PDB file of N, CA and C in Angstrom:
ATOM      1  N   UNK A   1       6.899   4.801 -12.277  1.00  0.00           N
ATOM      2  CA  UNK A   1       6.152   5.609 -11.340  1.00  0.00           C
ATOM      3  C   UNK A   1       6.318   5.054  -9.938  1.00  0.00           C
ATOM      4  N   UNK A   2       6.608   5.926  -8.993  1.00  0.00           N
ATOM      5  CA  UNK A   2       6.647   5.535  -7.589  1.00  0.00           C
ATOM      6  C   UNK A   2       5.372   5.990  -6.909  1.00  0.00           C
ATOM      7  N   UNK A   3       4.923   5.205  -5.949  1.00  0.00           N
ATOM      8  CA  UNK A   3       3.710   5.531  -5.212  1.00  0.00           C
ATOM      9  C   UNK A   3       3.901   5.165  -3.752  1.00  0.00           C
ATOM     10  N   UNK A   4       3.053   5.755  -2.919  1.00  0.00           N
ATOM     11  CA  UNK A   4       3.035   5.450  -1.493  1.00  0.00           C
ATOM     12  C   UNK A   4       1.736   4.713  -1.200  1.00  0.00           C
ATOM     13  N   UNK A   5       1.862   3.562  -0.563  1.00  0.00           N
ATOM     14  CA  UNK A   5       0.703   2.777  -0.150  1.00  0.00           C
ATOM     15  C   UNK A   5       0.634   2.814   1.362  1.00  0.00           C
ATOM     16  N   UNK A   6      -0.554   3.110   1.888  1.00  0.00           N
ATOM     17  CA  UNK A   6      -0.758   3.089   3.330  1.00  0.00           C
ATOM     18  C   UNK A   6      -1.819   2.045   3.666  1.00  0.00           C
ATOM     19  N   UNK A   7      -1.585   1.355   4.765  1.00  0.00           N
ATOM     20  CA  UNK A   7      -2.527   0.349   5.262  1.00  0.00           C
ATOM     21  C   UNK A   7      -2.769   0.651   6.736  1.00  0.00           C
ATOM     22  N   UNK A   8      -4.041   0.811   7.113  1.00  0.00           N
ATOM     23  CA  UNK A   8      -4.394   1.123   8.494  1.00  0.00           C
ATOM     24  C   UNK A   8      -5.597   0.286   8.894  1.00  0.00           C
ATOM     25  N   UNK A   9      -5.532  -0.322  10.068  1.00  0.00           N
ATOM     26  CA  UNK A   9      -6.662  -1.097  10.569  1.00  0.00           C
ATOM     27  C   UNK A   9      -6.280  -1.883  11.801  1.00  0.00           C
ATOM     28  N   UNK A  10      -7.216  -2.655  12.300  1.00  0.00           N
ATOM     29  CA  UNK A  10      -6.934  -3.514  13.448  1.00  0.00           C
ATOM     30  C   UNK A  10      -5.892  -4.554  13.069  1.00  0.00           C
ATOM     31  N   UNK A  11      -4.948  -4.769  13.975  1.00  0.00           N
ATOM     32  CA  UNK A  11      -3.879  -5.734  13.714  1.00  0.00           C
ATOM     33  C   UNK A  11      -4.438  -7.148  13.645  1.00  0.00           C
ATOM     34  N   UNK A  12      -3.967  -7.906  12.655  1.00  0.00           N
ATOM     35  CA  UNK A  12      -4.320  -9.319  12.521  1.00  0.00           C
ATOM     36  C   UNK A  12      -3.251 -10.014  11.689  1.00  0.00           C
ATOM     37  N   UNK A  13      -3.220 -11.301  11.768  1.00  0.00           N
ATOM     38  CA  UNK A  13      -2.235 -12.099  11.044  1.00  0.00           C
ATOM     39  C   UNK A  13      -2.456 -11.978   9.538  1.00  0.00           C
ATOM     40  N   UNK A  14      -1.368 -11.791   8.791  1.00  0.00           N
ATOM     41  CA  UNK A  14      -1.414 -11.895   7.336  1.00  0.00           C
ATOM     42  C   UNK A  14      -1.533 -10.608   6.551  1.00  0.00           C
ATOM     43  N   UNK A  15      -1.616  -9.463   7.217  1.00  0.00           N
ATOM     44  CA  UNK A  15      -1.778  -8.218   6.463  1.00  0.00           C
ATOM     45  C   UNK A  15      -0.584  -7.992   5.540  1.00  0.00           C
ATOM     46  N   UNK A  16       0.617  -8.019   6.090  1.00  0.00           N
ATOM     47  CA  UNK A  16       1.813  -7.775   5.275  1.00  0.00           C
ATOM     48  C   UNK A  16       1.933  -8.836   4.182  1.00  0.00           C
ATOM     49  N   UNK A  17       1.676 -10.080   4.523  1.00  0.00           N
ATOM     50  CA  UNK A  17       1.783 -11.168   3.546  1.00  0.00           C
ATOM     51  C   UNK A  17       0.821 -10.970   2.381  1.00  0.00           C
ATOM     52  N   UNK A  18      -0.419 -10.600   2.668  1.00  0.00           N
ATOM     53  CA  UNK A  18      -1.415 -10.429   1.597  1.00  0.00           C
ATOM     54  C   UNK A  18      -1.089  -9.243   0.705  1.00  0.00           C
ATOM     55  N   UNK A  19      -0.704  -8.134   1.312  1.00  0.00           N
ATOM     56  CA  UNK A  19      -0.378  -6.951   0.514  1.00  0.00           C
ATOM     57  C   UNK A  19       0.878  -7.214  -0.314  1.00  0.00           C
ATOM     58  N   UNK A  20       1.888  -7.825   0.282  1.00  0.00           N
ATOM     59  CA  UNK A  20       3.127  -8.132  -0.439  1.00  0.00           C
ATOM     60  C   UNK A  20       2.882  -9.095  -1.593  1.00  0.00           C
ATOM     61  N   UNK A  21       2.069 -10.122  -1.370  1.00  0.00           N
ATOM     62  CA  UNK A  21       1.749 -11.079  -2.439  1.00  0.00           C
ATOM     63  C   UNK A  21       0.995 -10.389  -3.575  1.00  0.00           C
ATOM     64  N   UNK A  22       0.049  -9.520  -3.231  1.00  0.00           N
ATOM     65  CA  UNK A  22      -0.699  -8.751  -4.225  1.00  0.00           C
ATOM     66  C   UNK A  22       0.270  -7.970  -5.119  1.00  0.00           C
ATOM     67  N   UNK A  23       1.220  -7.278  -4.492  1.00  0.00           N
ATOM     68  CA  UNK A  23       2.181  -6.477  -5.251  1.00  0.00           C
ATOM     69  C   UNK A  23       3.090  -7.354  -6.107  1.00  0.00           C
ATOM     70  N   UNK A  24       3.574  -8.449  -5.550  1.00  0.00           N
ATOM     71  CA  UNK A  24       4.463  -9.347  -6.293  1.00  0.00           C
ATOM     72  C   UNK A  24       3.771  -9.924  -7.520  1.00  0.00           C
ATOM     73  N   UNK A  25       2.494 -10.290  -7.383  1.00  0.00           N
ATOM     74  CA  UNK A  25       1.735 -10.844  -8.506  1.00  0.00           C
ATOM     75  C   UNK A  25       1.597  -9.840  -9.646  1.00  0.00           C
ATOM     76  N   UNK A  26       1.712  -8.563  -9.346  1.00  0.00           N
ATOM     77  CA  UNK A  26       1.569  -7.510 -10.353  1.00  0.00           C
ATOM     78  C   UNK A  26       2.919  -6.895 -10.738  1.00  0.00           C
ATOM     79  N   UNK A  27       3.998  -7.542 -10.311  1.00  0.00           N
ATOM     80  CA  UNK A  27       5.364  -7.102 -10.626  1.00  0.00           C
ATOM     81  C   UNK A  27       5.637  -5.678 -10.121  1.00  0.00           C
ATOM     82  N   UNK A  28       5.136  -5.382  -8.930  1.00  0.00           N
ATOM     83  CA  UNK A  28       5.340  -4.089  -8.291  1.00  0.00           C
ATOM     84  C   UNK A  28       6.371  -4.281  -7.178  1.00  0.00           C
ATOM     85  N   UNK A  29       7.459  -3.540  -7.261  1.00  0.00           N
ATOM     86  CA  UNK A  29       8.549  -3.701  -6.306  1.00  0.00           C
ATOM     87  C   UNK A  29       8.360  -2.809  -5.086  1.00  0.00           C
ATOM     88  N   UNK A  30       8.584  -3.371  -3.908  1.00  0.00           N
ATOM     89  CA  UNK A  30       8.561  -2.601  -2.665  1.00  0.00           C
ATOM     90  C   UNK A  30       9.952  -2.001  -2.477  1.00  0.00           C
ATOM     91  N   UNK A  31      10.034  -0.676  -2.548  1.00  0.00           N
ATOM     92  CA  UNK A  31      11.307   0.027  -2.409  1.00  0.00           C
ATOM     93  C   UNK A  31      11.654   0.269  -0.941  1.00  0.00           C
ATOM     94  N   UNK A  32      10.642   0.551  -0.133  1.00  0.00           N
ATOM     95  CA  UNK A  32      10.849   0.828   1.289  1.00  0.00           C
ATOM     96  C   UNK A  32       9.557   0.492   2.023  1.00  0.00           C
ATOM     97  N   UNK A  33       9.668   0.073   3.276  1.00  0.00           N
ATOM     98  CA  UNK A  33       8.484  -0.300   4.041  1.00  0.00           C
ATOM     99  C   UNK A  33       8.716   0.031   5.510  1.00  0.00           C
ATOM    100  N   UNK A  34       7.657   0.504   6.140  1.00  0.00           N
ATOM    101  CA  UNK A  34       7.678   0.775   7.568  1.00  0.00           C
ATOM    102  C   UNK A  34       6.331   0.349   8.130  1.00  0.00           C
ATOM    103  N   UNK A  35       6.349  -0.347   9.246  1.00  0.00           N
ATOM    104  CA  UNK A  35       5.086  -0.764   9.862  1.00  0.00           C
ATOM    105  C   UNK A  35       5.244  -0.768  11.362  1.00  0.00           C
ATOM    106  N   UNK A  36       4.116  -0.543  12.020  1.00  0.00           N
ATOM    107  CA  UNK A  36       4.094  -0.577  13.474  1.00  0.00           C
ATOM    108  C   UNK A  36       2.689  -0.950  13.924  1.00  0.00           C
ATOM    109  N   UNK A  37       2.581  -1.316  15.167  1.00  0.00           N
ATOM    110  CA  UNK A  37       1.288  -1.569  15.781  1.00  0.00           C
ATOM    111  C   UNK A  37       1.164  -0.602  16.952  1.00  0.00           C
ATOM    112  N   UNK A  38       0.124   0.235  16.916  1.00  0.00           N
ATOM    113  CA  UNK A  38      -0.116   1.230  17.954  1.00  0.00           C
ATOM    114  C   UNK A  38      -1.426   0.908  18.639  1.00  0.00           C
ATOM    115  N   UNK A  39      -1.357   0.473  19.881  1.00  0.00           N
ATOM    116  CA  UNK A  39      -2.564   0.142  20.666  1.00  0.00           C
ATOM    117  C   UNK A  39      -3.503  -0.789  19.909  1.00  0.00           C
ATOM    118  N   UNK A  40      -2.934  -1.805  19.270  1.00  0.00           N
ATOM    119  CA  UNK A  40      -3.738  -2.783  18.540  1.00  0.00           C
ATOM    120  C   UNK A  40      -4.096  -2.374  17.119  1.00  0.00           C
ATOM    121  N   UNK A  41      -3.684  -1.164  16.711  1.00  0.00           N
ATOM    122  CA  UNK A  41      -3.940  -0.699  15.352  1.00  0.00           C
ATOM    123  C   UNK A  41      -2.695  -0.877  14.500  1.00  0.00           C
ATOM    124  N   UNK A  42      -2.848  -1.544  13.368  1.00  0.00           N
ATOM    125  CA  UNK A  42      -1.766  -1.792  12.429  1.00  0.00           C
ATOM    126  C   UNK A  42      -1.636  -0.587  11.504  1.00  0.00           C
ATOM    127  N   UNK A  43      -0.404  -0.088  11.341  1.00  0.00           N
ATOM    128  CA  UNK A  43      -0.135   1.031  10.443  1.00  0.00           C
ATOM    129  C   UNK A  43       1.091   0.684   9.606  1.00  0.00           C
ATOM    130  N   UNK A  44       0.942   0.740   8.274  1.00  0.00           N
ATOM    131  CA  UNK A  44       2.064   0.423   7.385  1.00  0.00           C
ATOM    132  C   UNK A  44       2.113   1.434   6.251  1.00  0.00           C
ATOM    133  N   UNK A  45       3.332   1.841   5.903  1.00  0.00           N
ATOM    134  CA  UNK A  45       3.563   2.683   4.732  1.00  0.00           C
ATOM    135  C   UNK A  45       4.592   1.987   3.863  1.00  0.00           C
ATOM    136  N   UNK A  46       4.333   1.990   2.562  1.00  0.00           N
ATOM    137  CA  UNK A  46       5.262   1.384   1.616  1.00  0.00           C
ATOM    138  C   UNK A  46       5.529   2.358   0.477  1.00  0.00           C
ATOM    139  N   UNK A  47       6.774   2.450   0.052  1.00  0.00           N
ATOM    140  CA  UNK A  47       7.118   3.147  -1.180  1.00  0.00           C
ATOM    141  C   UNK A  47       7.293   2.047  -2.220  1.00  0.00           C
ATOM    142  N   UNK A  48       6.551   2.126  -3.309  1.00  0.00           N
ATOM    143  CA  UNK A  48       6.591   1.072  -4.319  1.00  0.00           C
ATOM    144  C   UNK A  48       6.912   1.652  -5.689  1.00  0.00           C
ATOM    145  N   UNK A  49       7.474   0.798  -6.539  1.00  0.00           N
ATOM    146  CA  UNK A  49       7.812   1.155  -7.916  1.00  0.00           C
ATOM    147  C   UNK A  49       6.907   0.361  -8.851  1.00  0.00           C
ATOM    148  N   UNK A  50       6.051   1.074  -9.573  1.00  0.00           N
ATOM    149  CA  UNK A  50       5.098   0.434 -10.482  1.00  0.00           C
ATOM    150  C   UNK A  50       5.599   0.376 -11.919  1.00  0.00           C
ATOM    151  N   UNK A  51       6.833   0.801 -12.182  1.00  0.00           N
ATOM    152  CA  UNK A  51       7.312   0.936 -13.567  1.00  0.00           C
ATOM    153  C   UNK A  51       7.367  -0.383 -14.332  1.00  0.00           C
ATOM    154  N   UNK A  52       7.481  -1.516 -13.661  1.00  0.00           N
ATOM    155  CA  UNK A  52       7.541  -2.813 -14.345  1.00  0.00           C
ATOM    156  C   UNK A  52       6.197  -3.526 -14.392  1.00  0.00           C
ATOM    157  N   UNK A  53       5.172  -2.912 -13.825  1.00  0.00           N
ATOM    158  CA  UNK A  53       3.858  -3.544 -13.776  1.00  0.00           C
ATOM    159  C   UNK A  53       3.089  -3.308 -15.074  1.00  0.00           C
ATOM    160  N   UNK A  54       2.368  -4.326 -15.514  1.00  0.00           N
ATOM    161  CA  UNK A  54       1.509  -4.191 -16.691  1.00  0.00           C
ATOM    162  C   UNK A  54       0.199  -3.495 -16.337  1.00  0.00           C
ATOM    163  N   UNK A  55      -0.103  -3.415 -15.052  1.00  0.00           N
ATOM    164  CA  UNK A  55      -1.339  -2.784 -14.586  1.00  0.00           C
ATOM    165  C   UNK A  55      -1.180  -1.265 -14.547  1.00  0.00           C
ATOM    166  N   UNK A  56      -2.243  -0.552 -14.897  1.00  0.00           N
ATOM    167  CA  UNK A  56      -2.213   0.908 -14.775  1.00  0.00           C
ATOM    168  C   UNK A  56      -2.448   1.261 -13.304  1.00  0.00           C
ATOM    169  N   UNK A  57      -1.849   2.367 -12.836  1.00  0.00           N
ATOM    170  CA  UNK A  57      -1.963   2.727 -11.421  1.00  0.00           C
ATOM    171  C   UNK A  57      -3.405   2.827 -10.918  1.00  0.00           C
ATOM    172  N   UNK A  58      -4.312   3.320 -11.729  1.00  0.00           N
ATOM    173  CA  UNK A  58      -5.708   3.447 -11.301  1.00  0.00           C
ATOM    174  C   UNK A  58      -6.311   2.091 -10.961  1.00  0.00           C
ATOM    175  N   UNK A  59      -5.971   1.061 -11.763  1.00  0.00           N
ATOM    176  CA  UNK A  59      -6.477  -0.293 -11.495  1.00  0.00           C
ATOM    177  C   UNK A  59      -5.869  -0.852 -10.216  1.00  0.00           C
ATOM    178  N   UNK A  60      -4.573  -0.628 -10.021  1.00  0.00           N
ATOM    179  CA  UNK A  60      -3.904  -1.104  -8.806  1.00  0.00           C
ATOM    180  C   UNK A  60      -4.532  -0.447  -7.581  1.00  0.00           C
ATOM    181  N   UNK A  61      -4.762   0.862  -7.662  1.00  0.00           N
ATOM    182  CA  UNK A  61      -5.371   1.595  -6.554  1.00  0.00           C
ATOM    183  C   UNK A  61      -6.748   1.028  -6.223  1.00  0.00           C
ATOM    184  N   UNK A  62      -7.567   0.786  -7.240  1.00  0.00           N
ATOM    185  CA  UNK A  62      -8.912   0.239  -7.026  1.00  0.00           C
ATOM    186  C   UNK A  62      -8.843  -1.153  -6.428  1.00  0.00           C
ATOM    187  N   UNK A  63      -7.965  -2.014  -6.971  1.00  0.00           N
ATOM    188  CA  UNK A  63      -7.839  -3.383  -6.474  1.00  0.00           C
ATOM    189  C   UNK A  63      -7.336  -3.406  -5.028  1.00  0.00           C
ATOM    190  N   UNK A  64      -6.405  -2.520  -4.699  1.00  0.00           N
ATOM    191  CA  UNK A  64      -5.921  -2.444  -3.321  1.00  0.00           C
ATOM    192  C   UNK A  64      -7.047  -2.039  -2.375  1.00  0.00           C
ATOM    193  N   UNK A  65      -7.830  -1.066  -2.789  1.00  0.00           N
ATOM    194  CA  UNK A  65      -8.950  -0.619  -1.959  1.00  0.00           C
ATOM    195  C   UNK A  65      -9.949  -1.751  -1.734  1.00  0.00           C
ATOM    196  N   UNK A  66     -10.248  -2.494  -2.795  1.00  0.00           N
ATOM    197  CA  UNK A  66     -11.173  -3.629  -2.683  1.00  0.00           C
ATOM    198  C   UNK A  66     -10.606  -4.709  -1.764  1.00  0.00           C
ATOM    199  N   UNK A  67      -9.306  -4.976  -1.884  1.00  0.00           N
ATOM    200  CA  UNK A  67      -8.675  -5.961  -1.020  1.00  0.00           C
ATOM    201  C   UNK A  67      -8.737  -5.500   0.435  1.00  0.00           C
ATOM    202  N   UNK A  68      -8.512  -4.211   0.658  1.00  0.00           N
ATOM    203  CA  UNK A  68      -8.593  -3.668   2.004  1.00  0.00           C
ATOM    204  C   UNK A  68      -9.974  -3.852   2.612  1.00  0.00           C
ATOM    205  N   UNK A  69     -11.008  -3.608   1.823  1.00  0.00           N
ATOM    206  CA  UNK A  69     -12.370  -3.804   2.314  1.00  0.00           C
ATOM    207  C   UNK A  69     -12.593  -5.257   2.723  1.00  0.00           C
ATOM    208  N   UNK A  70     -12.094  -6.189   1.903  1.00  0.00           N
ATOM    209  CA  UNK A  70     -12.247  -7.612   2.209  1.00  0.00           C
ATOM    210  C   UNK A  70     -11.489  -8.000   3.473  1.00  0.00           C
ATOM    211  N   UNK A  71     -10.376  -7.314   3.759  1.00  0.00           N
ATOM    212  CA  UNK A  71      -9.559  -7.592   4.939  1.00  0.00           C
ATOM    213  C   UNK A  71      -9.977  -6.747   6.140  1.00  0.00           C
ATOM    214  N   UNK A  72     -10.924  -5.843   5.939  1.00  0.00           N
ATOM    215  CA  UNK A  72     -11.397  -4.940   6.987  1.00  0.00           C
ATOM    216  C   UNK A  72     -10.297  -3.985   7.459  1.00  0.00           C
ATOM    217  N   UNK A  73      -9.486  -3.513   6.494  1.00  0.00           N
ATOM    218  CA  UNK A  73      -8.494  -2.477   6.741  1.00  0.00           C
ATOM    219  C   UNK A  73      -8.633  -1.435   5.635  1.00  0.00           C
ATOM    220  N   UNK A  74      -8.055  -0.275   5.849  1.00  0.00           N
ATOM    221  CA  UNK A  74      -8.060   0.772   4.838  1.00  0.00           C
ATOM    222  C   UNK A  74      -6.736   0.752   4.095  1.00  0.00           C
ATOM    223  N   UNK A  75      -6.794   0.586   2.765  1.00  0.00           N
ATOM    224  CA  UNK A  75      -5.581   0.607   1.946  1.00  0.00           C
ATOM    225  C   UNK A  75      -5.744   1.709   0.905  1.00  0.00           C
ATOM    226  N   UNK A  76      -4.776   2.614   0.875  1.00  0.00           N
ATOM    227  CA  UNK A  76      -4.816   3.678  -0.124  1.00  0.00           C
ATOM    228  C   UNK A  76      -3.462   3.779  -0.821  1.00  0.00           C
ATOM    229  N   UNK A  77      -3.498   4.342  -2.032  1.00  0.00           N
ATOM    230  CA  UNK A  77      -2.278   4.517  -2.810  1.00  0.00           C
ATOM    231  C   UNK A  77      -2.328   5.883  -3.472  1.00  0.00           C
ATOM    232  N   UNK A  78      -1.207   6.599  -3.413  1.00  0.00           N
ATOM    233  CA  UNK A  78      -1.125   7.871  -4.126  1.00  0.00           C
ATOM    234  C   UNK A  78       0.269   8.038  -4.716  1.00  0.00           C
ATOM    235  N   UNK A  79       0.329   8.805  -5.780  1.00  0.00           N
ATOM    236  CA  UNK A  79       1.598   9.076  -6.447  1.00  0.00           C
ATOM    237  C   UNK A  79       2.565   9.693  -5.445  1.00  0.00           C
ATOM    238  N   UNK A  80       3.808   9.323  -5.546  1.00  0.00           N
ATOM    239  CA  UNK A  80       4.840   9.822  -4.619  1.00  0.00           C
ATOM    240  C   UNK A  80       4.883  11.347  -4.591  1.00  0.00           C
ATOM    241  N   UNK A  81       4.741  12.000  -5.734  1.00  0.00           N
ATOM    242  CA  UNK A  81       4.811  13.467  -5.780  1.00  0.00           C
ATOM    243  C   UNK A  81       3.623  14.097  -5.059  1.00  0.00           C
ATOM    244  N   UNK A  82       2.450  13.503  -5.181  1.00  0.00           N
ATOM    245  CA  UNK A  82       1.275  14.007  -4.472  1.00  0.00           C
ATOM    246  C   UNK A  82       1.481  13.854  -2.973  1.00  0.00           C
ATOM    247  N   UNK A  83       1.972  12.679  -2.557  1.00  0.00           N
ATOM    248  CA  UNK A  83       2.225  12.433  -1.137  1.00  0.00           C
ATOM    249  C   UNK A  83       3.232  13.451  -0.599  1.00  0.00           C
ATOM    250  N   UNK A  84       4.331  13.674  -1.332  1.00  0.00           N
ATOM    251  CA  UNK A  84       5.361  14.611  -0.892  1.00  0.00           C
ATOM    252  C   UNK A  84       4.809  16.034  -0.793  1.00  0.00           C
ATOM    253  N   UNK A  85       4.008  16.430  -1.756  1.00  0.00           N
ATOM    254  CA  UNK A  85       3.425  17.774  -1.734  1.00  0.00           C
ATOM    255  C   UNK A  85       2.492  17.953  -0.546  1.00  0.00           C
ATOM    256  N   UNK A  86       1.745  16.915  -0.221  1.00  0.00           N
ATOM    257  CA  UNK A  86       0.806  16.995   0.893  1.00  0.00           C
ATOM    258  C   UNK A  86       1.508  17.083   2.235  1.00  0.00           C
ATOM    259  N   UNK A  87       2.744  16.572   2.323  1.00  0.00           N
ATOM    260  CA  UNK A  87       3.441  16.495   3.601  1.00  0.00           C
ATOM    261  C   UNK A  87       4.628  17.439   3.706  1.00  0.00           C
ATOM    262  N   UNK A  88       4.662  18.456   2.850  1.00  0.00           N
ATOM    263  CA  UNK A  88       5.706  19.464   2.947  1.00  0.00           C
ATOM    264  C   UNK A  88       5.351  20.466   4.033  1.00  0.00           C
ATOM    265  N   UNK A  89       6.360  20.943   4.700  1.00  0.00           N
ATOM    266  CA  UNK A  89       6.137  21.941   5.763  1.00  0.00           C
ATOM    267  C   UNK A  89       6.262  23.326   5.183  1.00  0.00           C
TER     268      UNK A  89
END
């Protein structure tokens, strides 16, 4: 299963490192990543592959959200097909 993870919040040291470590610990591969800082706001999108993870996507989504709250950023995850459907013209 592929999913899109978005991270949005005030820029600070360690956001990419923490999210990447979280994914690596769960054997989730980052297929593509884009990040930028806009007027002090950190914005990152990742395409990830969960097919090798022992965790079910719902648990990963919940854990990411909890981690985001602890970091004071918003982290969300949705299935790639849902993301694509939402962003079709």
